[in-house]
Amino acid sequence: MAQTNVSFEMNEKLRDQMEEICDELGMDLEDAFKLFAKKMVNEQQIPFEVTVNDIPNDDADEKVVRFVKISAVVAAVAAAVSLVIHLFRKLR
């Protein structure tokens, strides 16, 4: 399979912390990012819950922040609709 190079910037402290955890798990950063990519493709979504608190302030990309905020609103609306349906069924 053809290989490609992916390059991006991230906070140095965050990278160092991630690298330390990867070392403890017996992998390197490249392995961790490949694992994340495969899991994301397999699940067709981000394979874990993401909140605004997960985004480092100095790396906050507007698109990511907007995505997280929209996801939070959608989740709140879905919860509200579910509650209304549940209450409606109880009243019947």
C-alpha atoms as a PDB file:
ATOM      1  CA  MET A   1       0.000   0.000   0.000  1.00  0.00           C
ATOM      2  CA  ALA A   2       1.302   3.463  -0.859  1.00  0.00           C
ATOM      3  CA  GLN A   3       2.494   5.569   2.047  1.00  0.00           C
ATOM      4  CA  THR A   4       2.072   9.314   2.508  1.00  0.00           C
ATOM      5  CA  ASN A   5       3.644  11.829   4.859  1.00  0.00           C
ATOM      6  CA  VAL A   6       1.432  13.826   7.236  1.00  0.00           C
ATOM      7  CA  SER A   7       2.819  16.887   8.979  1.00  0.00           C
ATOM      8  CA  PHE A   8       1.177  19.261  11.457  1.00  0.00           C
ATOM      9  CA  GLU A   9       2.071  21.482  14.363  1.00  0.00           C
ATOM     10  CA  MET A  10       1.086  20.852  17.972  1.00  0.00           C
ATOM     11  CA  ASN A  11       1.908  22.245  21.385  1.00  0.00           C
ATOM     12  CA  GLU A  12       5.354  21.031  22.476  1.00  0.00           C
ATOM     13  CA  LYS A  13       4.284  20.250  26.055  1.00  0.00           C
ATOM     14  CA  LEU A  14       1.292  18.261  24.811  1.00  0.00           C
ATOM     15  CA  ARG A  15       3.535  16.341  22.392  1.00  0.00           C
ATOM     16  CA  ASP A  16       6.015  15.555  25.181  1.00  0.00           C
ATOM     17  CA  GLN A  17       3.216  14.323  27.453  1.00  0.00           C
ATOM     18  CA  MET A  18       1.779  12.167  24.674  1.00  0.00           C
ATOM     19  CA  GLU A  19       5.216  10.808  23.820  1.00  0.00           C
ATOM     20  CA  GLU A  20       5.730   9.799  27.473  1.00  0.00           C
ATOM     21  CA  ILE A  21       2.438   7.889  27.513  1.00  0.00           C
ATOM     22  CA  CYS A  22       3.253   6.251  24.182  1.00  0.00           C
ATOM     23  CA  ASP A  23       6.608   5.122  25.567  1.00  0.00           C
ATOM     24  CA  GLU A  24       4.835   3.547  28.535  1.00  0.00           C
ATOM     25  CA  LEU A  25       2.525   1.729  26.098  1.00  0.00           C
ATOM     26  CA  GLY A  26       5.430   0.525  23.949  1.00  0.00           C
ATOM     27  CA  MET A  27       4.648   2.618  20.897  1.00  0.00           C
ATOM     28  CA  ASP A  28       5.785   5.852  19.323  1.00  0.00           C
ATOM     29  CA  LEU A  29       3.787   8.914  18.249  1.00  0.00           C
ATOM     30  CA  GLU A  30       3.520   7.641  14.683  1.00  0.00           C
ATOM     31  CA  ASP A  31       1.978   4.374  15.899  1.00  0.00           C
ATOM     32  CA  ALA A  32      -0.487   6.291  18.095  1.00  0.00           C
ATOM     33  CA  PHE A  33      -1.638   8.539  15.255  1.00  0.00           C
ATOM     34  CA  LYS A  34      -1.966   5.578  12.877  1.00  0.00           C
ATOM     35  CA  LEU A  35      -4.036   3.755  15.516  1.00  0.00           C
ATOM     36  CA  PHE A  36      -6.264   6.810  15.934  1.00  0.00           C
ATOM     37  CA  ALA A  37      -6.707   7.128  12.149  1.00  0.00           C
ATOM     38  CA  LYS A  38      -7.626   3.446  11.747  1.00  0.00           C
ATOM     39  CA  LYS A  39     -10.081   3.571  14.650  1.00  0.00           C
ATOM     40  CA  MET A  40     -11.694   6.735  13.260  1.00  0.00           C
ATOM     41  CA  VAL A  41     -12.112   5.150   9.831  1.00  0.00           C
ATOM     42  CA  ASN A  42     -13.503   1.920  11.302  1.00  0.00           C
ATOM     43  CA  GLU A  43     -16.043   3.765  13.463  1.00  0.00           C
ATOM     44  CA  GLN A  44     -16.731   6.558  10.929  1.00  0.00           C
ATOM     45  CA  GLN A  45     -16.513   9.119  13.729  1.00  0.00           C
ATOM     46  CA  ILE A  46     -14.128  10.428  16.360  1.00  0.00           C
ATOM     47  CA  PRO A  47     -13.665   7.306  18.515  1.00  0.00           C
ATOM     48  CA  PHE A  48     -14.159   9.112  21.831  1.00  0.00           C
ATOM     49  CA  GLU A  49     -16.158  11.965  23.343  1.00  0.00           C
ATOM     50  CA  VAL A  50     -14.690  15.419  22.708  1.00  0.00           C
ATOM     51  CA  THR A  51     -15.519  18.551  24.686  1.00  0.00           C
ATOM     52  CA  VAL A  52     -14.302  22.132  24.489  1.00  0.00           C
ATOM     53  CA  ASN A  53     -12.141  21.409  27.550  1.00  0.00           C
ATOM     54  CA  ASP A  54     -10.169  18.865  25.503  1.00  0.00           C
ATOM     55  CA  ILE A  55      -8.905  21.508  23.088  1.00  0.00           C
ATOM     56  CA  PRO A  56      -5.637  23.131  24.212  1.00  0.00           C
ATOM     57  CA  ASN A  57      -6.104  26.912  24.328  1.00  0.00           C
ATOM     58  CA  ASP A  58      -2.987  27.669  22.335  1.00  0.00           C
ATOM     59  CA  ASP A  59      -3.911  25.189  19.593  1.00  0.00           C
ATOM     60  CA  ALA A  60      -7.639  25.981  19.381  1.00  0.00           C
ATOM     61  CA  ASP A  61      -8.465  25.857  15.707  1.00  0.00           C
ATOM     62  CA  GLU A  62     -11.724  27.652  14.936  1.00  0.00           C
ATOM     63  CA  LYS A  63     -13.072  24.699  12.925  1.00  0.00           C
ATOM     64  CA  VAL A  64     -12.470  22.261  15.790  1.00  0.00           C
ATOM     65  CA  VAL A  65     -14.004  24.607  18.363  1.00  0.00           C
ATOM     66  CA  ARG A  66     -17.025  25.151  16.104  1.00  0.00           C
ATOM     67  CA  PHE A  67     -17.389  21.374  15.587  1.00  0.00           C
ATOM     68  CA  VAL A  68     -17.295  20.698  19.322  1.00  0.00           C
ATOM     69  CA  LYS A  69     -19.814  23.449  20.055  1.00  0.00           C
ATOM     70  CA  ILE A  70     -22.165  22.225  17.331  1.00  0.00           C
ATOM     71  CA  SER A  71     -21.799  18.648  18.609  1.00  0.00           C
ATOM     72  CA  ALA A  72     -22.687  19.812  22.114  1.00  0.00           C
ATOM     73  CA  VAL A  73     -25.778  21.634  20.856  1.00  0.00           C
ATOM     74  CA  VAL A  74     -26.874  18.607  18.814  1.00  0.00           C
ATOM     75  CA  ALA A  75     -26.398  16.341  21.837  1.00  0.00           C
ATOM     76  CA  ALA A  76     -28.423  18.721  24.030  1.00  0.00           C
ATOM     77  CA  VAL A  77     -31.227  18.916  21.473  1.00  0.00           C
ATOM     78  CA  ALA A  78     -31.266  15.138  21.110  1.00  0.00           C
ATOM     79  CA  ALA A  79     -31.464  14.748  24.891  1.00  0.00           C
ATOM     80  CA  ALA A  80     -34.307  17.283  25.083  1.00  0.00           C
ATOM     81  CA  VAL A  81     -36.247  15.564  22.287  1.00  0.00           C
ATOM     82  CA  SER A  82     -35.731  12.199  23.978  1.00  0.00           C
ATOM     83  CA  LEU A  83     -37.040  13.616  27.255  1.00  0.00           C
ATOM     84  CA  VAL A  84     -40.104  15.140  25.567  1.00  0.00           C
ATOM     85  CA  ILE A  85     -40.878  11.842  23.819  1.00  0.00           C
ATOM     86  CA  HIS A  86     -40.463   9.947  27.091  1.00  0.00           C
ATOM     87  CA  LEU A  87     -42.779  12.356  28.936  1.00  0.00           C
ATOM     88  CA  PHE A  88     -45.313  12.293  26.114  1.00  0.00           C
ATOM     89  CA  ARG A  89     -45.430   8.494  26.215  1.00  0.00           C
ATOM     90  CA  LYS A  90     -45.919   8.541  29.981  1.00  0.00           C
ATOM     91  CA  LEU A  91     -48.895  10.890  29.637  1.00  0.00           C
ATOM     92  CA  ARG A  92     -50.633   8.613  27.139  1.00  0.00           C
END
